[in-house]
Amino acid sequence: MMTSRPPLVDSTLLLLLEGYAWLPERRRRSPDGIASVRVMGRRALGLCGPDAVRFFYDPAAVRRHGALPEPVVSTLLGRGAVHTLDGETHRRRKLMFMAAMTPESIATLVALTATAWDDAVESWAREPGIVLFDEAARVLTRAACAWAGVPPEESDGLAADLVAMADGFATAGPRQLRARIARRRRERRFAALVERIRSGAAEVPKGSASDLVVHHRGLDGRPLDSRTAAVELLNLVRPVVAVAWYVAFAAHAMHRWPEQRALLRDGDPDQAEAFAQEIRRFYPFVPFLAGEAIRDLSWKGRPIPSGSLILIDVYGQLHDPELWPRPYTFAPARFLGREFGQYDLIPQGGGDPATGHRCPGEVITLTLLETLAVRLARLEYEMPPQNLSISLRRVPAKPRSGVVLSAVRPSRWAEAMTVEAVTEVVTEIRSRG
């Protein structure tokens, strides 16, 4: 029998005010490192560590349905998205995503992105200055649309809308409103695109993300309704554009630690991967993950009543000195030759991406970041005075200025990328887990 505990004061407002520090701070105040909190009107337990992540991803104990806050669903993910499903329905929908992420498909996306970046650099050179975050989002949007089979006419204003969806999921202010408006607008347009494809009025490449989503069938043997198909198509394109945050962080890191830029210029794949992994570990993006207890559970003697929320402290785990010595030191070398488990490095979730809730696009994120970090390191530019501070109160965080570059000049280091060469890199990354 689970024992009752005194009611907790809801700390949702403090979460919005404190951002990434909210859950780690409450865990630090607890003798056992487990935080008992109430958030969004619900009792929750905040956990951290590889064992806790493994517990969190046990489908017999924890589910996503009902756990994700409405603001996150209505901005970042969309209603009916794969992230909100459980059981066999989730596994079947996840297979659709994995089918779009073969090594060859990812390599095509990376090659398209590299080409779009090189083309953009030519135009940046004609400008007195650019905001790297904004420009990276546009580059990634162009490449993602070409890869997914989204017609060019749908890309007008799409980068701004996709950025808004990701930028407003964890706030109650104007960013949340912009995110909701952007999602509604894009779901309507993508739903109309789905209907045009199904009617034959629009054609998309066979095997593209658009083609896979439009023809996917659920457990009942029926295709997704047009709105849900639109949600999932956006969920294939949107995470690609979210890499713009990591590109801005990469520029920030190269500015603070210029020796890292020098290491990347040679294009050594091990250095590029280590740098990309450390960017994802060191810089903040997701503060925590949320699930719901399916039944009465316990963790290290703490009761977790059925229906309670379970929160995994992502930011805290990525800066845990037991896992990452000197965690607040930016040190890509920590990843050279290091093997880590599926439950250790969790910026995009833990476990097996093929069967669980870990982001299936993690390899895409990593490969794109490696590619663009090398290109950024080789780019010739100046960085004028600006506010590069990163507030941990803002979720998702990013450099305040967006990273302004001036006097951009095409790199003499630029090189073409072939799909075959990138496929080999992607296959190697996937083989290492």
Protein backbone atom coordinates (compact mmCIF):
# COMPACT_ATOMS: atom_id res chain seq x y z
CA MET A 1 0.00 0.00 0.00
CA MET A 2 1.39 3.36 -1.05
CA THR A 3 1.57 5.88 1.81
CA SER A 4 0.06 9.30 1.30
CA ARG A 5 2.28 12.39 1.46
CA PRO A 6 1.45 15.98 2.36
CA PRO A 7 0.24 18.08 -0.57
CA LEU A 8 2.93 19.97 -2.45
CA VAL A 9 2.81 23.57 -3.61
CA ASP A 10 2.60 23.69 -7.42
CA SER A 11 5.88 24.99 -8.83
CA THR A 12 4.92 25.45 -12.48
CA LEU A 13 5.55 29.19 -12.25
CA LEU A 14 8.99 28.58 -10.75
CA LEU A 15 9.73 26.14 -13.58
CA LEU A 16 8.92 28.84 -16.13
CA LEU A 17 11.07 31.35 -14.24
CA GLU A 18 14.06 29.12 -13.47
CA GLY A 19 14.27 27.06 -16.67
CA TYR A 20 17.03 24.46 -16.76
CA ALA A 21 17.99 24.99 -13.10
CA TRP A 22 14.51 24.17 -11.77
CA LEU A 23 14.74 20.37 -11.52
CA PRO A 24 18.48 20.09 -10.69
CA GLU A 25 18.01 22.60 -7.87
CA ARG A 26 15.14 20.63 -6.35
CA ARG A 27 17.09 17.42 -6.64
CA ARG A 28 20.06 19.04 -4.89
CA ARG A 29 17.82 20.02 -1.98
CA SER A 30 16.81 16.40 -1.46
CA PRO A 31 19.09 14.10 0.60
CA ASP A 32 18.64 11.23 -1.88
CA GLY A 33 18.77 13.35 -5.04
CA ILE A 34 15.12 12.62 -5.85
CA ALA A 35 12.80 15.61 -6.17
CA SER A 36 9.18 15.44 -5.02
CA VAL A 37 7.35 18.26 -6.81
CA ARG A 38 3.98 19.29 -8.11
CA VAL A 39 3.90 20.70 -11.63
CA MET A 40 1.00 21.53 -13.96
CA GLY A 41 -1.25 20.54 -11.07
CA ARG A 42 0.16 17.01 -10.88
CA ARG A 43 2.42 15.23 -8.40
CA ALA A 44 5.78 14.32 -9.92
CA LEU A 45 9.06 12.66 -8.97
CA GLY A 46 12.28 14.01 -10.50
CA LEU A 47 14.96 11.38 -11.15
CA CYS A 48 18.43 11.32 -12.68
CA GLY A 49 21.06 8.82 -13.79
CA PRO A 50 21.35 5.92 -16.25
CA ASP A 51 19.41 3.52 -14.01
CA ALA A 52 16.60 6.06 -13.69
CA VAL A 53 16.53 6.53 -17.46
CA ARG A 54 16.31 2.76 -17.95
CA PHE A 55 13.41 2.67 -15.46
CA PHE A 56 11.75 5.61 -17.24
CA TYR A 57 11.85 3.81 -20.59
CA ASP A 58 10.26 0.59 -19.32
CA PRO A 59 7.00 0.46 -21.34
CA ALA A 60 5.39 -1.76 -18.69
CA ALA A 61 5.87 0.97 -16.08
CA VAL A 62 5.82 4.37 -17.77
CA ARG A 63 3.84 5.77 -20.69
CA ARG A 64 3.86 9.02 -22.67
CA HIS A 65 0.13 9.31 -23.31
CA GLY A 66 -1.25 11.82 -20.85
CA ALA A 67 2.19 12.85 -19.60
CA LEU A 68 3.16 15.55 -22.07
CA PRO A 69 1.85 19.01 -21.12
CA GLU A 70 -0.75 20.52 -23.43
CA PRO A 71 1.50 23.49 -24.36
CA VAL A 72 4.21 21.09 -25.60
CA VAL A 73 1.73 19.04 -27.65
CA SER A 74 0.09 22.14 -29.14
CA THR A 75 3.36 23.73 -30.21
CA LEU A 76 6.31 21.39 -30.57
CA LEU A 77 4.77 17.98 -31.32
CA GLY A 78 1.19 18.24 -32.55
CA ARG A 79 -1.87 16.27 -31.44
CA GLY A 80 -1.75 12.59 -32.32
CA ALA A 81 2.03 12.67 -32.87
CA VAL A 82 4.13 9.54 -32.42
CA HIS A 83 5.59 11.04 -29.22
CA THR A 84 2.16 10.84 -27.56
CA LEU A 85 1.53 7.16 -28.38
CA ASP A 86 2.35 3.97 -26.52
CA GLY A 87 2.39 0.22 -27.08
CA GLU A 88 1.95 -1.39 -30.49
CA THR A 89 0.44 1.79 -31.95
CA HIS A 90 3.63 3.66 -31.10
CA ARG A 91 5.89 0.89 -32.42
CA ARG A 92 4.08 0.74 -35.75
CA ARG A 93 4.14 4.52 -36.21
CA LYS A 94 7.82 4.58 -35.19
CA LEU A 95 8.63 2.12 -37.99
CA MET A 96 7.43 4.74 -40.45
CA PHE A 97 9.95 7.22 -39.06
CA MET A 98 12.75 4.67 -39.08
CA ALA A 99 11.99 3.84 -42.73
CA ALA A 100 12.76 7.47 -43.58
CA MET A 101 16.11 7.27 -41.82
CA THR A 102 18.13 4.66 -43.62
CA PRO A 103 21.85 5.47 -43.98
CA GLU A 104 21.28 6.32 -47.66
CA SER A 105 18.37 8.63 -46.84
CA ILE A 106 20.28 10.42 -44.09
CA ALA A 107 23.30 10.77 -46.37
CA THR A 108 21.08 12.40 -49.00
CA LEU A 109 19.81 14.91 -46.43
CA VAL A 110 23.35 15.71 -45.29
CA ALA A 111 24.56 16.22 -48.86
CA LEU A 112 21.57 18.48 -49.62
CA THR A 113 22.31 20.49 -46.47
CA ALA A 114 25.98 20.89 -47.33
CA THR A 115 25.03 22.14 -50.81
CA ALA A 116 22.44 24.55 -49.40
CA TRP A 117 25.03 25.86 -46.91
CA ASP A 118 27.64 26.41 -49.61
CA ASP A 119 25.09 28.23 -51.79
CA ALA A 120 24.05 30.40 -48.84
CA VAL A 121 27.64 31.35 -48.07
CA GLU A 122 27.87 32.96 -51.50
CA SER A 123 24.96 35.25 -50.61
CA TRP A 124 26.26 35.92 -47.08
CA ALA A 125 29.45 37.27 -48.62
CA ARG A 126 27.39 40.05 -50.25
CA GLU A 127 25.87 41.14 -46.93
CA PRO A 128 27.47 43.38 -44.28
CA GLY A 129 26.48 40.84 -41.66
CA ILE A 130 24.22 37.87 -40.96
CA VAL A 131 22.57 36.26 -37.93
CA LEU A 132 23.88 32.71 -38.07
CA PHE A 133 20.95 31.14 -36.21
CA ASP A 134 18.43 32.56 -38.69
CA GLU A 135 20.50 31.69 -41.73
CA ALA A 136 21.18 28.15 -40.51
CA ALA A 137 17.43 27.64 -40.03
CA ARG A 138 16.79 28.71 -43.63
CA VAL A 139 19.55 26.44 -44.96
CA LEU A 140 18.22 23.47 -43.00
CA THR A 141 14.64 24.16 -44.10
CA ARG A 142 15.58 24.19 -47.78
CA ALA A 143 17.46 20.92 -47.41
CA ALA A 144 14.76 19.28 -45.27
CA CYS A 145 12.03 20.14 -47.77
CA ALA A 146 14.03 18.79 -50.70
CA TRP A 147 14.80 15.61 -48.74
CA ALA A 148 11.24 15.08 -47.50
CA GLY A 149 9.64 15.72 -50.88
CA VAL A 150 7.86 18.88 -49.72
CA PRO A 151 7.18 21.05 -52.80
CA PRO A 152 9.12 24.34 -52.93
CA GLU A 153 5.94 26.41 -52.77
CA GLU A 154 5.33 25.10 -49.24
CA SER A 155 8.68 26.42 -48.01
CA ASP A 156 7.65 30.10 -48.08
CA GLY A 157 7.94 31.27 -44.47
CA LEU A 158 8.35 27.68 -43.30
CA ALA A 159 11.70 28.22 -41.55
CA ALA A 160 10.25 30.95 -39.33
CA ASP A 161 7.24 28.81 -38.44
CA LEU A 162 9.32 25.73 -37.62
CA VAL A 163 11.63 27.80 -35.43
CA ALA A 164 8.62 29.33 -33.69
CA MET A 165 7.20 25.87 -32.87
CA ALA A 166 10.43 24.83 -31.16
CA ASP A 167 11.06 28.22 -29.57
CA GLY A 168 7.70 28.48 -27.81
CA PHE A 169 7.07 25.06 -26.28
CA ALA A 170 8.29 25.95 -22.77
CA THR A 171 6.98 29.43 -22.13
CA ALA A 172 3.66 31.01 -21.28
CA GLY A 173 4.36 34.29 -23.06
CA PRO A 174 4.34 35.64 -26.61
CA ARG A 175 6.64 32.87 -27.84
CA GLN A 176 3.98 30.31 -26.89
CA LEU A 177 1.34 32.24 -28.83
CA ARG A 178 3.58 32.49 -31.91
CA ALA A 179 4.26 28.76 -31.68
CA ARG A 180 0.56 27.88 -31.57
CA ILE A 181 -0.25 30.13 -34.52
CA ALA A 182 2.67 28.69 -36.52
CA ARG A 183 1.58 25.10 -35.81
CA ARG A 184 -2.03 25.71 -36.81
CA ARG A 185 -0.95 27.44 -40.01
CA ARG A 186 1.48 24.67 -41.02
CA GLU A 187 -0.81 21.81 -40.08
CA ARG A 188 -3.50 23.27 -42.33
CA ARG A 189 -1.10 23.71 -45.23
CA PHE A 190 0.51 20.30 -44.83
CA ALA A 191 -2.89 18.61 -44.47
CA ALA A 192 -3.92 20.20 -47.77
CA LEU A 193 -0.64 18.93 -49.28
CA VAL A 194 -1.40 15.39 -48.05
CA GLU A 195 -4.81 15.53 -49.72
CA ARG A 196 -3.30 16.80 -52.97
CA ILE A 197 -0.78 13.95 -52.97
CA ARG A 198 -3.49 11.38 -52.33
CA SER A 199 -5.67 12.79 -55.08
CA GLY A 200 -2.79 12.80 -57.57
CA ALA A 201 -2.77 16.59 -57.85
CA ALA A 202 0.76 16.71 -56.39
CA GLU A 203 3.61 14.28 -56.92
CA VAL A 204 6.38 13.46 -54.45
CA PRO A 205 9.42 11.21 -54.90
CA LYS A 206 8.76 7.56 -54.12
CA GLY A 207 10.30 6.59 -50.79
CA SER A 208 10.56 10.21 -49.60
CA ALA A 209 9.29 11.19 -46.15
CA SER A 210 6.16 12.66 -47.70
CA ASP A 211 5.49 9.46 -49.59
CA LEU A 212 6.01 7.30 -46.48
CA VAL A 213 3.68 9.43 -44.33
CA VAL A 214 0.93 9.67 -46.92
CA HIS A 215 0.86 5.91 -47.46
CA HIS A 216 1.43 4.79 -43.87
CA ARG A 217 -1.30 2.58 -42.42
CA GLY A 218 -2.06 2.10 -38.74
CA LEU A 219 -3.00 -1.02 -36.81
CA ASP A 220 -6.51 -0.80 -38.26
CA GLY A 221 -5.11 -0.95 -41.80
CA ARG A 222 -6.29 2.56 -42.57
CA PRO A 223 -4.14 5.51 -43.65
CA LEU A 224 -3.60 8.39 -41.26
CA ASP A 225 -6.19 11.15 -41.48
CA SER A 226 -4.82 14.18 -43.30
CA ARG A 227 -4.31 16.27 -40.14
CA THR A 228 -2.37 13.52 -38.33
CA ALA A 229 -0.33 12.89 -41.48
CA ALA A 230 0.46 16.60 -41.55
CA VAL A 231 1.58 16.44 -37.91
CA GLU A 232 3.97 13.57 -38.62
CA LEU A 233 5.35 15.16 -41.78
CA LEU A 234 6.11 18.26 -39.74
CA ASN A 235 7.73 16.01 -37.14
CA LEU A 236 10.11 14.73 -39.81
CA VAL A 237 11.03 18.21 -41.06
CA ARG A 238 10.94 20.26 -37.84
CA PRO A 239 13.76 18.43 -35.97
CA VAL A 240 16.07 18.97 -38.93
CA VAL A 241 15.54 22.73 -38.64
CA ALA A 242 16.05 22.57 -34.85
CA VAL A 243 19.71 21.76 -35.59
CA ALA A 244 20.03 25.54 -36.06
CA TRP A 245 20.24 25.80 -32.26
CA TYR A 246 23.25 23.49 -32.24
CA VAL A 247 24.88 25.40 -35.12
CA ALA A 248 24.62 28.60 -33.08
CA PHE A 249 26.07 26.77 -30.08
CA ALA A 250 28.90 25.46 -32.26
CA ALA A 251 29.79 29.01 -33.29
CA HIS A 252 29.63 30.08 -29.66
CA ALA A 253 32.01 27.25 -28.68
CA MET A 254 34.47 28.06 -31.46
CA HIS A 255 34.50 31.69 -30.35
CA ARG A 256 35.13 30.82 -26.68
CA TRP A 257 37.59 28.03 -27.40
CA PRO A 258 39.35 28.90 -30.70
CA GLU A 259 41.55 25.81 -30.46
CA GLN A 260 38.44 23.74 -31.20
CA ARG A 261 37.95 25.58 -34.47
CA ALA A 262 41.50 24.79 -35.47
CA LEU A 263 40.98 21.09 -34.70
CA LEU A 264 37.85 20.95 -36.84
CA ARG A 265 39.33 22.60 -39.93
CA ASP A 266 41.23 19.49 -40.97
CA GLY A 267 37.96 17.58 -41.24
CA ASP A 268 39.06 14.66 -39.06
CA PRO A 269 35.82 12.66 -38.61
CA ASP A 270 36.68 11.60 -35.04
CA GLN A 271 37.29 15.21 -33.99
CA ALA A 272 34.07 16.32 -35.71
CA GLU A 273 32.02 13.65 -33.96
CA ALA A 274 33.59 14.38 -30.57
CA PHE A 275 32.88 18.09 -31.00
CA ALA A 276 29.25 17.44 -32.01
CA GLN A 277 28.69 15.11 -29.07
CA GLU A 278 30.14 17.62 -26.62
CA ILE A 279 27.96 20.38 -28.06
CA ARG A 280 24.89 18.23 -27.40
CA ARG A 281 26.11 17.40 -23.88
CA PHE A 282 27.44 20.78 -22.78
CA TYR A 283 24.84 23.19 -24.17
CA PRO A 284 21.22 23.16 -22.95
CA PHE A 285 18.24 22.21 -25.08
CA VAL A 286 15.73 19.86 -23.40
CA PRO A 287 15.55 20.44 -19.61
CA PHE A 288 13.78 17.20 -18.72
CA LEU A 289 11.61 14.37 -20.06
CA ALA A 290 8.16 13.48 -18.72
CA GLY A 291 6.27 10.20 -18.45
CA GLU A 292 3.29 8.90 -16.48
CA ALA A 293 3.28 5.92 -14.10
CA ILE A 294 1.02 3.21 -15.51
CA ARG A 295 0.58 1.58 -12.09
CA ASP A 296 1.78 2.01 -8.53
CA LEU A 297 5.58 1.99 -8.65
CA SER A 298 8.49 2.79 -6.40
CA TRP A 299 11.99 4.07 -7.00
CA LYS A 300 14.67 3.62 -4.36
CA GLY A 301 12.03 3.40 -1.67
CA ARG A 302 10.05 6.39 -2.93
CA PRO A 303 6.42 5.55 -3.79
CA ILE A 304 5.17 6.60 -7.23
CA PRO A 305 1.36 6.31 -7.28
CA SER A 306 -0.31 5.35 -10.54
CA GLY A 307 -0.91 8.44 -12.68
CA SER A 308 1.98 10.39 -11.18
CA LEU A 309 4.48 12.11 -13.43
CA ILE A 310 8.05 10.87 -13.65
CA LEU A 311 10.58 13.48 -14.73
CA ILE A 312 14.07 12.64 -15.99
CA ASP A 313 16.52 15.48 -15.35
CA VAL A 314 18.22 15.67 -18.75
CA TYR A 315 20.23 18.81 -18.05
CA GLY A 316 21.31 17.46 -14.67
CA GLN A 317 22.40 14.12 -16.14
CA LEU A 318 24.39 15.77 -18.93
CA HIS A 319 26.30 17.73 -16.27
CA ASP A 320 26.67 14.95 -13.71
CA PRO A 321 30.33 14.76 -12.56
CA GLU A 322 30.02 11.01 -11.98
CA LEU A 323 29.29 10.53 -15.69
CA TRP A 324 31.24 13.46 -17.10
CA PRO A 325 34.33 14.56 -15.12
CA ARG A 326 34.58 18.38 -14.99
CA PRO A 327 31.09 18.62 -16.53
CA TYR A 328 31.10 22.42 -16.89
CA THR A 329 34.32 22.32 -18.93
CA PHE A 330 33.83 22.15 -22.70
CA ALA A 331 36.03 19.18 -23.61
CA PRO A 332 35.25 17.28 -26.83
CA ALA A 333 38.26 15.06 -26.19
CA ARG A 334 36.18 13.23 -23.56
CA PHE A 335 34.39 11.53 -26.47
CA LEU A 336 37.50 10.40 -28.36
CA GLY A 337 37.61 6.63 -28.19
CA ARG A 338 34.88 6.53 -25.56
CA GLU A 339 31.97 4.12 -25.62
CA PHE A 340 28.84 5.20 -23.75
CA GLY A 341 25.59 3.40 -23.11
CA GLN A 342 22.12 4.09 -24.45
CA TYR A 343 21.13 5.56 -21.08
CA ASP A 344 24.14 7.85 -20.45
CA LEU A 345 24.14 10.55 -23.14
CA ILE A 346 20.48 11.55 -23.41
CA PRO A 347 20.07 14.97 -25.09
CA GLN A 348 17.47 13.32 -27.36
CA GLY A 349 16.27 10.60 -25.01
CA GLY A 350 17.58 7.18 -24.07
CA GLY A 351 17.18 3.56 -25.03
CA ASP A 352 16.72 2.05 -28.48
CA PRO A 353 15.40 4.54 -31.08
CA ALA A 354 13.92 1.72 -33.17
CA THR A 355 11.58 0.43 -30.48
CA GLY A 356 11.42 3.04 -27.71
CA HIS A 357 10.83 6.77 -27.37
CA ARG A 358 14.39 7.87 -28.08
CA CYS A 359 14.40 10.36 -30.96
CA PRO A 360 14.77 8.42 -34.24
CA GLY A 361 16.41 11.46 -35.80
CA GLU A 362 19.35 11.54 -33.41
CA VAL A 363 21.75 10.24 -36.07
CA ILE A 364 20.48 12.99 -38.39
CA THR A 365 21.18 15.63 -35.74
CA LEU A 366 24.65 14.30 -35.04
CA THR A 367 25.65 13.93 -38.70
CA LEU A 368 24.30 17.33 -39.71
CA LEU A 369 26.04 18.99 -36.79
CA GLU A 370 29.35 17.31 -37.64
CA THR A 371 29.05 18.43 -41.26
CA LEU A 372 28.07 22.03 -40.54
CA ALA A 373 30.56 22.42 -37.68
CA VAL A 374 33.43 21.59 -40.03
CA ARG A 375 32.09 23.98 -42.66
CA LEU A 376 31.65 26.70 -40.04
CA ALA A 377 35.19 26.16 -38.76
CA ARG A 378 36.52 26.57 -42.30
CA LEU A 379 34.44 29.67 -43.02
CA GLU A 380 36.24 32.99 -42.97
CA TYR A 381 34.38 35.65 -41.00
CA GLU A 382 34.60 38.23 -38.25
CA MET A 383 32.53 38.33 -35.09
CA PRO A 384 31.60 41.90 -34.16
CA PRO A 385 30.85 42.91 -30.55
CA GLN A 386 27.53 41.40 -29.48
CA ASN A 387 25.69 39.78 -26.59
CA LEU A 388 26.59 36.09 -26.71
CA SER A 389 25.21 35.30 -23.27
CA ILE A 390 23.11 32.15 -22.88
CA SER A 391 20.41 32.37 -20.23
CA LEU A 392 19.51 29.11 -18.50
CA ARG A 393 16.15 30.67 -17.66
CA ARG A 394 15.16 30.62 -21.32
CA VAL A 395 13.96 27.28 -22.72
CA PRO A 396 15.14 26.45 -25.30
CA ALA A 397 18.31 28.42 -24.64
CA LYS A 398 20.36 30.07 -27.35
CA PRO A 399 22.98 32.84 -27.64
CA ARG A 400 21.09 36.10 -27.17
CA SER A 401 22.39 37.69 -30.38
CA GLY A 402 21.77 34.58 -32.47
CA VAL A 403 25.53 34.86 -33.31
CA VAL A 404 26.18 37.73 -35.71
CA LEU A 405 28.90 37.16 -38.30
CA SER A 406 30.33 39.90 -40.52
CA ALA A 407 32.73 40.03 -43.45
CA VAL A 408 31.83 36.46 -44.39
CA ARG A 409 33.96 35.06 -47.18
CA PRO A 410 33.62 31.72 -48.97
CA SER A 411 36.09 29.21 -47.64
CA ARG A 412 39.06 28.02 -49.62
CA TRP A 413 38.57 24.76 -47.70
CA ALA A 414 35.12 24.05 -49.21
CA GLU A 415 34.66 20.59 -50.67
CA ALA A 416 31.83 18.76 -52.36
CA MET A 417 30.08 15.95 -50.53
CA THR A 418 28.91 12.74 -52.11
CA VAL A 419 26.01 10.66 -50.84
CA GLU A 420 28.19 7.55 -50.96
CA ALA A 421 30.85 9.07 -48.70
CA VAL A 422 28.31 10.34 -46.17
CA THR A 423 26.49 6.99 -46.17
CA GLU A 424 29.67 5.34 -44.93
CA VAL A 425 29.92 7.87 -42.08
CA VAL A 426 26.26 7.43 -41.11
CA THR A 427 26.54 3.64 -41.15
CA GLU A 428 29.58 3.83 -38.87
CA ILE A 429 27.81 6.15 -36.41
CA ARG A 430 24.77 3.87 -36.26
CA SER A 431 26.95 0.82 -35.70
CA ARG A 432 28.36 2.48 -32.58
CA GLY A 433 24.85 3.00 -31.16
